[in-house]
Amino acid sequence: MATYYTIFSLKPGDRYIIRVCNSPVCDMERSPDIVREIEKLLLIDIGETTSDNRFTLELSECLGQCDSAPGMMINENIHGNLNRDKLRSIIENYDTK
């Protein structure tokens, strides 16, 4: 079960797990652009972790936030209505914690 659900992990804990919703609604609202921007900002691909183990990037089937698509979750915090500028600000905020 732990390998089937992305919310479970068998590897040591990363500080921040970023899950970007890829449901049809988020996809229509350009979540693939958000994923590409995260990959560019953090220099990782989906399923990878930054070299300092601070961020891991994953896709999620649905975060239940269709009214604020595209959305992502960083640990337990939901972020919606994402665009490149808002995303950059969010990531920078977590990077300084």
PDB file of N, CA and C in Angstrom:
ATOM      1  N   MET A   1       0.819  -1.180   0.000  1.00  0.00           N
ATOM      2  CA  MET A   1       0.000   0.000   0.000  1.00  0.00           C
ATOM      3  C   MET A   1       0.875   1.261   0.000  1.00  0.00           C
ATOM      4  N   ALA A   2       1.973   1.222   0.705  1.00  0.00           N
ATOM      5  CA  ALA A   2       2.816   2.419   0.811  1.00  0.00           C
ATOM      6  C   ALA A   2       3.427   2.806  -0.526  1.00  0.00           C
ATOM      7  N   THR A   3       3.605   1.868  -1.426  1.00  0.00           N
ATOM      8  CA  THR A   3       4.178   2.210  -2.726  1.00  0.00           C
ATOM      9  C   THR A   3       3.113   2.632  -3.727  1.00  0.00           C
ATOM     10  N   TYR A   4       1.852   2.330  -3.480  1.00  0.00           N
ATOM     11  CA  TYR A   4       0.780   2.689  -4.403  1.00  0.00           C
ATOM     12  C   TYR A   4       0.372   4.155  -4.251  1.00  0.00           C
ATOM     13  N   TYR A   5       0.182   4.606  -3.030  1.00  0.00           N
ATOM     14  CA  TYR A   5      -0.279   5.967  -2.777  1.00  0.00           C
ATOM     15  C   TYR A   5       0.908   6.911  -2.634  1.00  0.00           C
ATOM     16  N   THR A   6       0.891   8.017  -3.383  1.00  0.00           N
ATOM     17  CA  THR A   6       2.023   8.939  -3.341  1.00  0.00           C
ATOM     18  C   THR A   6       2.136   9.679  -2.022  1.00  0.00           C
ATOM     19  N   ILE A   7       1.075   9.702  -1.244  1.00  0.00           N
ATOM     20  CA  ILE A   7       1.146  10.412   0.034  1.00  0.00           C
ATOM     21  C   ILE A   7       2.004   9.655   1.054  1.00  0.00           C
ATOM     22  N   PHE A   8       2.230   8.358   0.805  1.00  0.00           N
ATOM     23  CA  PHE A   8       3.112   7.565   1.659  1.00  0.00           C
ATOM     24  C   PHE A   8       4.481   7.481   1.012  1.00  0.00           C
ATOM     25  N   SER A   9       5.515   7.413   1.844  1.00  0.00           N
ATOM     26  CA  SER A   9       6.872   7.330   1.319  1.00  0.00           C
ATOM     27  C   SER A   9       7.675   6.342   2.146  1.00  0.00           C
ATOM     28  N   LEU A  10       8.571   5.635   1.491  1.00  0.00           N
ATOM     29  CA  LEU A  10       9.447   4.696   2.179  1.00  0.00           C
ATOM     30  C   LEU A  10      10.846   5.257   2.380  1.00  0.00           C
ATOM     31  N   LYS A  11      11.109   6.447   1.855  1.00  0.00           N
ATOM     32  CA  LYS A  11      12.429   7.048   2.002  1.00  0.00           C
ATOM     33  C   LYS A  11      12.421   8.052   3.145  1.00  0.00           C
ATOM     34  N   PRO A  12      13.602   8.413   3.649  1.00  0.00           N
ATOM     35  CA  PRO A  12      13.654   9.384   4.745  1.00  0.00           C
ATOM     36  C   PRO A  12      12.949  10.683   4.367  1.00  0.00           C
ATOM     37  N   GLY A  13      12.413  11.343   5.355  1.00  0.00           N
ATOM     38  CA  GLY A  13      11.599  12.526   5.128  1.00  0.00           C
ATOM     39  C   GLY A  13      12.308  13.683   4.466  1.00  0.00           C
ATOM     40  N   ASP A  14      11.647  14.232   3.480  1.00  0.00           N
ATOM     41  CA  ASP A  14      12.092  15.470   2.859  1.00  0.00           C
ATOM     42  C   ASP A  14      11.398  16.591   3.622  1.00  0.00           C
ATOM     43  N   ARG A  15      11.987  17.737   3.612  1.00  0.00           N
ATOM     44  CA  ARG A  15      11.419  18.840   4.384  1.00  0.00           C
ATOM     45  C   ARG A  15      10.079  19.296   3.811  1.00  0.00           C
ATOM     46  N   TYR A  16      10.014  19.490   2.491  1.00  0.00           N
ATOM     47  CA  TYR A  16       8.783  19.950   1.854  1.00  0.00           C
ATOM     48  C   TYR A  16       8.448  19.065   0.662  1.00  0.00           C
ATOM     49  N   ILE A  17       7.262  18.501   0.684  1.00  0.00           N
ATOM     50  CA  ILE A  17       6.792  17.702  -0.447  1.00  0.00           C
ATOM     51  C   ILE A  17       5.757  18.543  -1.189  1.00  0.00           C
ATOM     52  N   ILE A  18       6.066  18.829  -2.441  1.00  0.00           N
ATOM     53  CA  ILE A  18       5.188  19.628  -3.292  1.00  0.00           C
ATOM     54  C   ILE A  18       4.377  18.668  -4.147  1.00  0.00           C
ATOM     55  N   ARG A  19       3.061  18.730  -4.010  1.00  0.00           N
ATOM     56  CA  ARG A  19       2.171  17.904  -4.824  1.00  0.00           C
ATOM     57  C   ARG A  19       1.345  18.844  -5.691  1.00  0.00           C
ATOM     58  N   VAL A  20       1.504  18.718  -6.997  1.00  0.00           N
ATOM     59  CA  VAL A  20       0.747  19.549  -7.943  1.00  0.00           C
ATOM     60  C   VAL A  20      -0.410  18.716  -8.469  1.00  0.00           C
ATOM     61  N   CYS A  21      -1.590  19.286  -8.410  1.00  0.00           N
ATOM     62  CA  CYS A  21      -2.779  18.590  -8.885  1.00  0.00           C
ATOM     63  C   CYS A  21      -2.748  18.470 -10.407  1.00  0.00           C
ATOM     64  N   ASN A  22      -3.037  17.258 -10.895  1.00  0.00           N
ATOM     65  CA  ASN A  22      -3.109  17.067 -12.345  1.00  0.00           C
ATOM     66  C   ASN A  22      -4.479  16.547 -12.769  1.00  0.00           C
ATOM     67  N   SER A  23      -5.506  16.903 -11.997  1.00  0.00           N
ATOM     68  CA  SER A  23      -6.874  16.528 -12.359  1.00  0.00           C
ATOM     69  C   SER A  23      -7.254  17.253 -13.651  1.00  0.00           C
ATOM     70  N   PRO A  24      -8.313  16.832 -14.309  1.00  0.00           N
ATOM     71  CA  PRO A  24      -8.709  17.510 -15.554  1.00  0.00           C
ATOM     72  C   PRO A  24      -8.932  19.016 -15.392  1.00  0.00           C
ATOM     73  N   VAL A  25      -9.527  19.435 -14.294  1.00  0.00           N
ATOM     74  CA  VAL A  25      -9.782  20.869 -14.102  1.00  0.00           C
ATOM     75  C   VAL A  25      -8.465  21.625 -13.983  1.00  0.00           C
ATOM     76  N   CYS A  26      -7.550  21.137 -13.135  1.00  0.00           N
ATOM     77  CA  CYS A  26      -6.259  21.814 -12.988  1.00  0.00           C
ATOM     78  C   CYS A  26      -5.463  21.765 -14.290  1.00  0.00           C
ATOM     79  N   ASP A  27      -5.562  20.655 -14.994  1.00  0.00           N
ATOM     80  CA  ASP A  27      -4.864  20.552 -16.274  1.00  0.00           C
ATOM     81  C   ASP A  27      -5.367  21.617 -17.256  1.00  0.00           C
ATOM     82  N   MET A  28      -6.682  21.816 -17.298  1.00  0.00           N
ATOM     83  CA  MET A  28      -7.243  22.843 -18.181  1.00  0.00           C
ATOM     84  C   MET A  28      -6.825  24.246 -17.744  1.00  0.00           C
ATOM     85  N   GLU A  29      -6.546  24.396 -16.456  1.00  0.00           N
ATOM     86  CA  GLU A  29      -6.120  25.698 -15.930  1.00  0.00           C
ATOM     87  C   GLU A  29      -4.594  25.826 -15.901  1.00  0.00           C
ATOM     88  N   ARG A  30      -3.916  24.985 -16.661  1.00  0.00           N
ATOM     89  CA  ARG A  30      -2.484  25.103 -16.927  1.00  0.00           C
ATOM     90  C   ARG A  30      -1.561  24.579 -15.820  1.00  0.00           C
ATOM     91  N   SER A  31      -1.981  23.526 -15.118  1.00  0.00           N
ATOM     92  CA  SER A  31      -1.084  22.942 -14.115  1.00  0.00           C
ATOM     93  C   SER A  31       0.210  22.412 -14.725  1.00  0.00           C
ATOM     94  N   PRO A  32       0.221  21.926 -15.991  1.00  0.00           N
ATOM     95  CA  PRO A  32       1.513  21.522 -16.560  1.00  0.00           C
ATOM     96  C   PRO A  32       2.524  22.671 -16.613  1.00  0.00           C
ATOM     97  N   ASP A  33       2.043  23.903 -16.815  1.00  0.00           N
ATOM     98  CA  ASP A  33       2.941  25.064 -16.787  1.00  0.00           C
ATOM     99  C   ASP A  33       3.519  25.268 -15.389  1.00  0.00           C
ATOM    100  N   ILE A  34       2.693  25.024 -14.374  1.00  0.00           N
ATOM    101  CA  ILE A  34       3.145  25.157 -12.988  1.00  0.00           C
ATOM    102  C   ILE A  34       4.220  24.114 -12.691  1.00  0.00           C
ATOM    103  N   VAL A  35       4.002  22.895 -13.149  1.00  0.00           N
ATOM    104  CA  VAL A  35       4.998  21.833 -12.944  1.00  0.00           C
ATOM    105  C   VAL A  35       6.315  22.215 -13.614  1.00  0.00           C
ATOM    106  N   ARG A  36       6.250  22.673 -14.841  1.00  0.00           N
ATOM    107  CA  ARG A  36       7.481  23.067 -15.547  1.00  0.00           C
ATOM    108  C   ARG A  36       8.215  24.197 -14.821  1.00  0.00           C
ATOM    109  N   GLU A  37       7.461  25.130 -14.280  1.00  0.00           N
ATOM    110  CA  GLU A  37       8.080  26.243 -13.555  1.00  0.00           C
ATOM    111  C   GLU A  37       8.758  25.751 -12.267  1.00  0.00           C
ATOM    112  N   ILE A  38       8.112  24.851 -11.558  1.00  0.00           N
ATOM    113  CA  ILE A  38       8.730  24.279 -10.353  1.00  0.00           C
ATOM    114  C   ILE A  38      10.001  23.528 -10.727  1.00  0.00           C
ATOM    115  N   GLU A  39       9.927  22.733 -11.790  1.00  0.00           N
ATOM    116  CA  GLU A  39      11.119  21.991 -12.241  1.00  0.00           C
ATOM    117  C   GLU A  39      12.266  22.951 -12.550  1.00  0.00           C
ATOM    118  N   LYS A  40      11.939  24.064 -13.175  1.00  0.00           N
ATOM    119  CA  LYS A  40      12.951  25.060 -13.527  1.00  0.00           C
ATOM    120  C   LYS A  40      13.505  25.751 -12.280  1.00  0.00           C
ATOM    121  N   LEU A  41      12.631  26.118 -11.353  1.00  0.00           N
ATOM    122  CA  LEU A  41      13.055  26.809 -10.134  1.00  0.00           C
ATOM    123  C   LEU A  41      13.934  25.933  -9.241  1.00  0.00           C
ATOM    124  N   LEU A  42      13.544  24.657  -9.109  1.00  0.00           N
ATOM    125  CA  LEU A  42      14.227  23.772  -8.165  1.00  0.00           C
ATOM    126  C   LEU A  42      15.243  22.832  -8.819  1.00  0.00           C
ATOM    127  N   LEU A  43      15.289  22.864 -10.152  1.00  0.00           N
ATOM    128  CA  LEU A  43      16.229  22.012 -10.904  1.00  0.00           C
ATOM    129  C   LEU A  43      16.008  20.526 -10.633  1.00  0.00           C
ATOM    130  N   ILE A  44      14.737  20.130 -10.576  1.00  0.00           N
ATOM    131  CA  ILE A  44      14.376  18.725 -10.416  1.00  0.00           C
ATOM    132  C   ILE A  44      13.219  18.398 -11.355  1.00  0.00           C
ATOM    133  N   ASP A  45      13.000  17.107 -11.558  1.00  0.00           N
ATOM    134  CA  ASP A  45      11.869  16.626 -12.332  1.00  0.00           C
ATOM    135  C   ASP A  45      10.848  16.001 -11.383  1.00  0.00           C
ATOM    136  N   ILE A  46       9.683  15.660 -11.915  1.00  0.00           N
ATOM    137  CA  ILE A  46       8.654  14.985 -11.125  1.00  0.00           C
ATOM    138  C   ILE A  46       9.254  13.711 -10.534  1.00  0.00           C
ATOM    139  N   GLY A  47       9.020  13.500  -9.253  1.00  0.00           N
ATOM    140  CA  GLY A  47       9.516  12.318  -8.560  1.00  0.00           C
ATOM    141  C   GLY A  47      10.906  12.487  -7.980  1.00  0.00           C
ATOM    142  N   GLU A  48      11.519  13.624  -8.210  1.00  0.00           N
ATOM    143  CA  GLU A  48      12.880  13.857  -7.714  1.00  0.00           C
ATOM    144  C   GLU A  48      12.874  14.774  -6.499  1.00  0.00           C
ATOM    145  N   THR A  49      14.004  14.771  -5.808  1.00  0.00           N
ATOM    146  CA  THR A  49      14.219  15.595  -4.626  1.00  0.00           C
ATOM    147  C   THR A  49      15.433  16.473  -4.868  1.00  0.00           C
ATOM    148  N   THR A  50      15.370  17.708  -4.373  1.00  0.00           N
ATOM    149  CA  THR A  50      16.520  18.601  -4.523  1.00  0.00           C
ATOM    150  C   THR A  50      17.724  18.017  -3.790  1.00  0.00           C
ATOM    151  N   SER A  51      18.907  18.417  -4.209  1.00  0.00           N
ATOM    152  CA  SER A  51      20.134  17.847  -3.647  1.00  0.00           C
ATOM    153  C   SER A  51      20.273  18.108  -2.146  1.00  0.00           C
ATOM    154  N   ASP A  52      19.625  19.162  -1.651  1.00  0.00           N
ATOM    155  CA  ASP A  52      19.683  19.452  -0.210  1.00  0.00           C
ATOM    156  C   ASP A  52      18.533  18.796   0.570  1.00  0.00           C
ATOM    157  N   ASN A  53      17.749  17.962  -0.104  1.00  0.00           N
ATOM    158  CA  ASN A  53      16.609  17.239   0.494  1.00  0.00           C
ATOM    159  C   ASN A  53      15.522  18.159   1.049  1.00  0.00           C
ATOM    160  N   ARG A  54      15.452  19.383   0.551  1.00  0.00           N
ATOM    161  CA  ARG A  54      14.422  20.308   1.031  1.00  0.00           C
ATOM    162  C   ARG A  54      13.090  20.109   0.313  1.00  0.00           C
ATOM    163  N   PHE A  55      13.114  19.854  -0.998  1.00  0.00           N
ATOM    164  CA  PHE A  55      11.889  19.773  -1.781  1.00  0.00           C
ATOM    165  C   PHE A  55      11.842  18.480  -2.593  1.00  0.00           C
ATOM    166  N   THR A  56      10.667  17.873  -2.618  1.00  0.00           N
ATOM    167  CA  THR A  56      10.372  16.758  -3.508  1.00  0.00           C
ATOM    168  C   THR A  56       9.149  17.163  -4.319  1.00  0.00           C
ATOM    169  N   LEU A  57       9.172  16.872  -5.617  1.00  0.00           N
ATOM    170  CA  LEU A  57       8.067  17.234  -6.504  1.00  0.00           C
ATOM    171  C   LEU A  57       7.289  15.989  -6.911  1.00  0.00           C
ATOM    172  N   GLU A  58       5.975  16.023  -6.693  1.00  0.00           N
ATOM    173  CA  GLU A  58       5.100  14.912  -7.064  1.00  0.00           C
ATOM    174  C   GLU A  58       3.841  15.452  -7.725  1.00  0.00           C
ATOM    175  N   LEU A  59       3.162  14.577  -8.452  1.00  0.00           N
ATOM    176  CA  LEU A  59       1.843  14.899  -8.995  1.00  0.00           C
ATOM    177  C   LEU A  59       0.794  14.263  -8.102  1.00  0.00           C
ATOM    178  N   SER A  60      -0.369  14.883  -8.034  1.00  0.00           N
ATOM    179  CA  SER A  60      -1.481  14.362  -7.254  1.00  0.00           C
ATOM    180  C   SER A  60      -2.702  14.288  -8.158  1.00  0.00           C
ATOM    181  N   GLU A  61      -3.488  13.250  -7.999  1.00  0.00           N
ATOM    182  CA  GLU A  61      -4.669  13.099  -8.851  1.00  0.00           C
ATOM    183  C   GLU A  61      -5.708  14.173  -8.590  1.00  0.00           C
ATOM    184  N   CYS A  62      -5.918  14.564  -7.353  1.00  0.00           N
ATOM    185  CA  CYS A  62      -6.890  15.611  -7.053  1.00  0.00           C
ATOM    186  C   CYS A  62      -6.648  16.115  -5.640  1.00  0.00           C
ATOM    187  N   LEU A  63      -6.679  17.411  -5.481  1.00  0.00           N
ATOM    188  CA  LEU A  63      -6.543  18.014  -4.160  1.00  0.00           C
ATOM    189  C   LEU A  63      -7.873  18.564  -3.660  1.00  0.00           C
ATOM    190  N   GLY A  64      -8.926  18.410  -4.465  1.00  0.00           N
ATOM    191  CA  GLY A  64     -10.249  18.874  -4.060  1.00  0.00           C
ATOM    192  C   GLY A  64     -10.385  20.383  -4.032  1.00  0.00           C
ATOM    193  N   GLN A  65      -9.607  21.080  -4.828  1.00  0.00           N
ATOM    194  CA  GLN A  65      -9.615  22.543  -4.838  1.00  0.00           C
ATOM    195  C   GLN A  65      -9.941  23.081  -6.232  1.00  0.00           C
ATOM    196  N   CYS A  66     -10.896  22.464  -6.901  1.00  0.00           N
ATOM    197  CA  CYS A  66     -11.207  22.826  -8.289  1.00  0.00           C
ATOM    198  C   CYS A  66     -11.594  24.289  -8.438  1.00  0.00           C
ATOM    199  N   ASP A  67     -12.182  24.872  -7.403  1.00  0.00           N
ATOM    200  CA  ASP A  67     -12.596  26.275  -7.502  1.00  0.00           C
ATOM    201  C   ASP A  67     -11.413  27.236  -7.493  1.00  0.00           C
ATOM    202  N   SER A  68     -10.217  26.744  -7.157  1.00  0.00           N
ATOM    203  CA  SER A  68      -9.029  27.607  -7.154  1.00  0.00           C
ATOM    204  C   SER A  68      -7.905  26.989  -7.984  1.00  0.00           C
ATOM    205  N   ALA A  69      -8.288  26.307  -9.057  1.00  0.00           N
ATOM    206  CA  ALA A  69      -7.313  25.650  -9.931  1.00  0.00           C
ATOM    207  C   ALA A  69      -6.490  26.680 -10.703  1.00  0.00           C
ATOM    208  N   PRO A  70      -5.249  26.369 -10.999  1.00  0.00           N
ATOM    209  CA  PRO A  70      -4.527  25.160 -10.638  1.00  0.00           C
ATOM    210  C   PRO A  70      -4.039  25.235  -9.196  1.00  0.00           C
ATOM    211  N   GLY A  71      -3.932  24.054  -8.584  1.00  0.00           N
ATOM    212  CA  GLY A  71      -3.559  24.011  -7.185  1.00  0.00           C
ATOM    213  C   GLY A  71      -2.390  23.094  -6.904  1.00  0.00           C
ATOM    214  N   MET A  72      -1.788  23.323  -5.751  1.00  0.00           N
ATOM    215  CA  MET A  72      -0.720  22.462  -5.265  1.00  0.00           C
ATOM    216  C   MET A  72      -0.784  22.430  -3.751  1.00  0.00           C
ATOM    217  N   MET A  73      -0.143  21.446  -3.192  1.00  0.00           N
ATOM    218  CA  MET A  73      -0.062  21.315  -1.754  1.00  0.00           C
ATOM    219  C   MET A  73       1.411  21.179  -1.395  1.00  0.00           C
ATOM    220  N   ILE A  74       1.856  21.944  -0.420  1.00  0.00           N
ATOM    221  CA  ILE A  74       3.207  21.794   0.117  1.00  0.00           C
ATOM    222  C   ILE A  74       3.019  21.329   1.550  1.00  0.00           C
ATOM    223  N   ASN A  75       3.441  20.097   1.796  1.00  0.00           N
ATOM    224  CA  ASN A  75       3.116  19.397   3.034  1.00  0.00           C
ATOM    225  C   ASN A  75       1.604  19.458   3.220  1.00  0.00           C
ATOM    226  N   GLU A  76       1.095  20.079   4.259  1.00  0.00           N
ATOM    227  CA  GLU A  76      -0.354  20.108   4.470  1.00  0.00           C
ATOM    228  C   GLU A  76      -1.004  21.419   4.030  1.00  0.00           C
ATOM    229  N   ASN A  77      -0.239  22.322   3.446  1.00  0.00           N
ATOM    230  CA  ASN A  77      -0.756  23.639   3.050  1.00  0.00           C
ATOM    231  C   ASN A  77      -1.162  23.667   1.576  1.00  0.00           C
ATOM    232  N   ILE A  78      -2.405  24.069   1.332  1.00  0.00           N
ATOM    233  CA  ILE A  78      -2.945  24.156  -0.023  1.00  0.00           C
ATOM    234  C   ILE A  78      -2.685  25.562  -0.585  1.00  0.00           C
ATOM    235  N   HIS A  79      -2.293  25.611  -1.848  1.00  0.00           N
ATOM    236  CA  HIS A  79      -2.088  26.879  -2.553  1.00  0.00           C
ATOM    237  C   HIS A  79      -2.842  26.788  -3.877  1.00  0.00           C
ATOM    238  N   GLY A  80      -3.634  27.796  -4.182  1.00  0.00           N
ATOM    239  CA  GLY A  80      -4.428  27.762  -5.402  1.00  0.00           C
ATOM    240  C   GLY A  80      -4.314  29.034  -6.210  1.00  0.00           C
ATOM    241  N   ASN A  81      -5.051  29.029  -7.333  1.00  0.00           N
ATOM    242  CA  ASN A  81      -5.030  30.152  -8.278  1.00  0.00           C
ATOM    243  C   ASN A  81      -3.593  30.491  -8.655  1.00  0.00           C
ATOM    244  N   LEU A  82      -2.822  29.468  -8.940  1.00  0.00           N
ATOM    245  CA  LEU A  82      -1.394  29.649  -9.180  1.00  0.00           C
ATOM    246  C   LEU A  82      -1.091  30.244 -10.546  1.00  0.00           C
ATOM    247  N   ASN A  83      -0.079  31.075 -10.551  1.00  0.00           N
ATOM    248  CA  ASN A  83       0.539  31.556 -11.782  1.00  0.00           C
ATOM    249  C   ASN A  83       2.043  31.589 -11.500  1.00  0.00           C
ATOM    250  N   ARG A  84       2.838  31.923 -12.480  1.00  0.00           N
ATOM    251  CA  ARG A  84       4.296  31.871 -12.298  1.00  0.00           C
ATOM    252  C   ARG A  84       4.783  32.784 -11.178  1.00  0.00           C
ATOM    253  N   ASP A  85       4.274  34.015 -11.117  1.00  0.00           N
ATOM    254  CA  ASP A  85       4.734  34.957 -10.091  1.00  0.00           C
ATOM    255  C   ASP A  85       4.340  34.490  -8.694  1.00  0.00           C
ATOM    256  N   LYS A  86       3.103  34.056  -8.545  1.00  0.00           N
ATOM    257  CA  LYS A  86       2.636  33.583  -7.237  1.00  0.00           C
ATOM    258  C   LYS A  86       3.417  32.338  -6.818  1.00  0.00           C
ATOM    259  N   LEU A  87       3.646  31.441  -7.761  1.00  0.00           N
ATOM    260  CA  LEU A  87       4.403  30.222  -7.479  1.00  0.00           C
ATOM    261  C   LEU A  87       5.814  30.557  -7.003  1.00  0.00           C
ATOM    262  N   ARG A  88       6.479  31.429  -7.717  1.00  0.00           N
ATOM    263  CA  ARG A  88       7.848  31.826  -7.347  1.00  0.00           C
ATOM    264  C   ARG A  88       7.880  32.389  -5.924  1.00  0.00           C
ATOM    265  N   SER A  89       6.912  33.223  -5.574  1.00  0.00           N
ATOM    266  CA  SER A  89       6.838  33.805  -4.236  1.00  0.00           C
ATOM    267  C   SER A  89       6.616  32.726  -3.171  1.00  0.00           C
ATOM    268  N   ILE A  90       5.744  31.775  -3.454  1.00  0.00           N
ATOM    269  CA  ILE A  90       5.477  30.692  -2.509  1.00  0.00           C
ATOM    270  C   ILE A  90       6.722  29.860  -2.269  1.00  0.00           C
ATOM    271  N   ILE A  91       7.392  29.451  -3.350  1.00  0.00           N
ATOM    272  CA  ILE A  91       8.601  28.628  -3.231  1.00  0.00           C
ATOM    273  C   ILE A  91       9.672  29.385  -2.471  1.00  0.00           C
ATOM    274  N   GLU A  92       9.864  30.645  -2.777  1.00  0.00           N
ATOM    275  CA  GLU A  92      10.888  31.444  -2.070  1.00  0.00           C
ATOM    276  C   GLU A  92      10.577  31.535  -0.589  1.00  0.00           C
ATOM    277  N   ASN A  93       9.301  31.654  -0.245  1.00  0.00           N
ATOM    278  CA  ASN A  93       8.898  31.715   1.155  1.00  0.00           C
ATOM    279  C   ASN A  93       9.276  30.414   1.891  1.00  0.00           C
ATOM    280  N   TYR A  94       9.023  29.271   1.272  1.00  0.00           N
ATOM    281  CA  TYR A  94       9.379  27.996   1.893  1.00  0.00           C
ATOM    282  C   TYR A  94      10.890  27.805   1.935  1.00  0.00           C
ATOM    283  N   ASP A  95      11.573  28.319   0.934  1.00  0.00           N
ATOM    284  CA  ASP A  95      13.029  28.132   0.849  1.00  0.00           C
ATOM    285  C   ASP A  95      13.762  28.897   1.953  1.00  0.00           C
ATOM    286  N   THR A  96      13.110  29.915   2.512  1.00  0.00           N
ATOM    287  CA  THR A  96      13.771  30.694   3.564  1.00  0.00           C
ATOM    288  C   THR A  96      13.407  30.228   4.965  1.00  0.00           C
ATOM    289  N   LYS A  97      12.508  29.272   5.072  1.00  0.00           N
ATOM    290  CA  LYS A  97      12.094  28.766   6.397  1.00  0.00           C
ATOM    291  C   LYS A  97      13.148  27.852   6.982  1.00  0.00           C
TER     292      LYS A  97
END
